[in-house]
Amino acid sequence: MGWMQSDEGMTERKKIAHVEKTVAAITPDKSAVMFKVSVHNESAMKEFVSGKNPVMKPIFDECVANIQMWELSPVKI
């Protein structure tokens, strides 16, 4: 997570999402990390989380074992 908060990581994240709206959570057994991200560039986000982003790739290869991505839509009540 340190890289994601570094200047380099923040620059890459800002290209794809509204960083200030990102919410992170860790599972109770600390085996996984989850993020709720407000994305403004979906294709770049898919590259980022799949390890195809050239800046993110070294960190991805070292740290990421599994990625799952969901699309959430607002519901009017």
Protein backbone atom coordinates (compact mmCIF):
# COMPACT_ATOMS: atom_id res chain seq x y z
CA MET A 1 0.00 0.00 0.00
CA GLY A 2 2.97 2.31 0.44
CA TRP A 3 3.51 2.58 -3.32
CA MET A 4 -0.16 3.44 -3.89
CA GLN A 5 0.24 6.39 -1.50
CA SER A 6 3.57 7.53 -2.97
CA ASP A 7 3.76 10.47 -5.39
CA GLU A 8 4.24 8.06 -8.30
CA GLY A 9 1.33 5.88 -7.23
CA MET A 10 -0.97 8.85 -6.64
CA THR A 11 -0.16 10.24 -10.09
CA GLU A 12 -1.13 6.94 -11.72
CA ARG A 13 -4.27 6.57 -9.61
CA LYS A 14 -5.42 10.12 -10.46
CA LYS A 15 -5.33 9.21 -14.16
CA ILE A 16 -8.08 6.62 -13.64
CA ALA A 17 -10.07 7.52 -10.53
CA HIS A 18 -11.11 10.20 -8.06
CA VAL A 19 -8.48 9.41 -5.41
CA GLU A 20 -10.20 11.39 -2.68
CA LYS A 21 -13.28 9.12 -2.98
CA THR A 22 -11.35 5.84 -2.60
CA VAL A 23 -12.27 3.80 0.47
CA ALA A 24 -10.00 0.94 1.60
CA ALA A 25 -10.78 -1.99 3.89
CA ILE A 26 -8.98 -5.10 5.14
CA THR A 27 -10.73 -8.42 5.73
CA PRO A 28 -10.95 -9.51 9.40
CA ASP A 29 -8.38 -12.28 8.88
CA LYS A 30 -6.07 -9.78 7.08
CA SER A 31 -5.81 -12.04 4.04
CA ALA A 32 -7.17 -9.47 1.58
CA VAL A 33 -7.53 -5.77 0.93
CA MET A 34 -10.59 -4.23 -0.73
CA PHE A 35 -11.07 -0.83 -2.31
CA LYS A 36 -14.17 1.07 -3.34
CA VAL A 37 -13.01 3.31 -6.19
CA SER A 38 -14.89 6.03 -8.12
CA VAL A 39 -13.51 5.48 -11.62
CA HIS A 40 -13.54 8.10 -14.41
CA ASN A 41 -11.48 6.08 -16.98
CA GLU A 42 -12.76 2.49 -17.04
CA SER A 43 -10.40 1.13 -19.70
CA ALA A 44 -7.36 2.52 -17.86
CA MET A 45 -8.68 1.03 -14.60
CA LYS A 46 -8.89 -2.40 -16.22
CA GLU A 47 -5.26 -2.06 -17.38
CA PHE A 48 -4.21 -0.87 -13.92
CA VAL A 49 -5.76 -3.79 -12.03
CA SER A 50 -4.73 -6.42 -14.57
CA GLY A 51 -1.04 -5.51 -14.36
CA LYS A 52 -0.80 -4.05 -17.86
CA ASN A 53 -0.01 -0.50 -16.70
CA PRO A 54 3.77 -0.11 -17.27
CA VAL A 55 4.31 1.98 -14.11
CA MET A 56 2.20 -0.33 -11.90
CA LYS A 57 3.52 -3.63 -13.34
CA PRO A 58 6.53 -4.16 -10.99
CA ILE A 59 4.36 -3.57 -7.90
CA PHE A 60 1.56 -5.71 -9.34
CA ASP A 61 3.93 -8.64 -10.00
CA GLU A 62 5.34 -8.42 -6.48
CA CYS A 63 2.17 -7.87 -4.46
CA VAL A 64 -1.00 -8.98 -6.24
CA ALA A 65 -2.16 -12.59 -6.09
CA ASN A 66 -5.79 -12.12 -7.17
CA ILE A 67 -7.96 -9.33 -8.57
CA GLN A 68 -11.75 -9.17 -8.65
CA MET A 69 -13.64 -6.17 -9.97
CA TRP A 70 -17.34 -5.29 -9.69
CA GLU A 71 -19.33 -2.50 -11.21
CA LEU A 72 -21.77 -0.85 -8.82
CA SER A 73 -24.53 1.44 -10.02
CA PRO A 74 -26.59 3.90 -8.01
CA VAL A 75 -30.21 2.98 -7.32
CA LYS A 76 -32.91 5.63 -7.05
CA ILE A 77 -35.25 5.23 -4.09
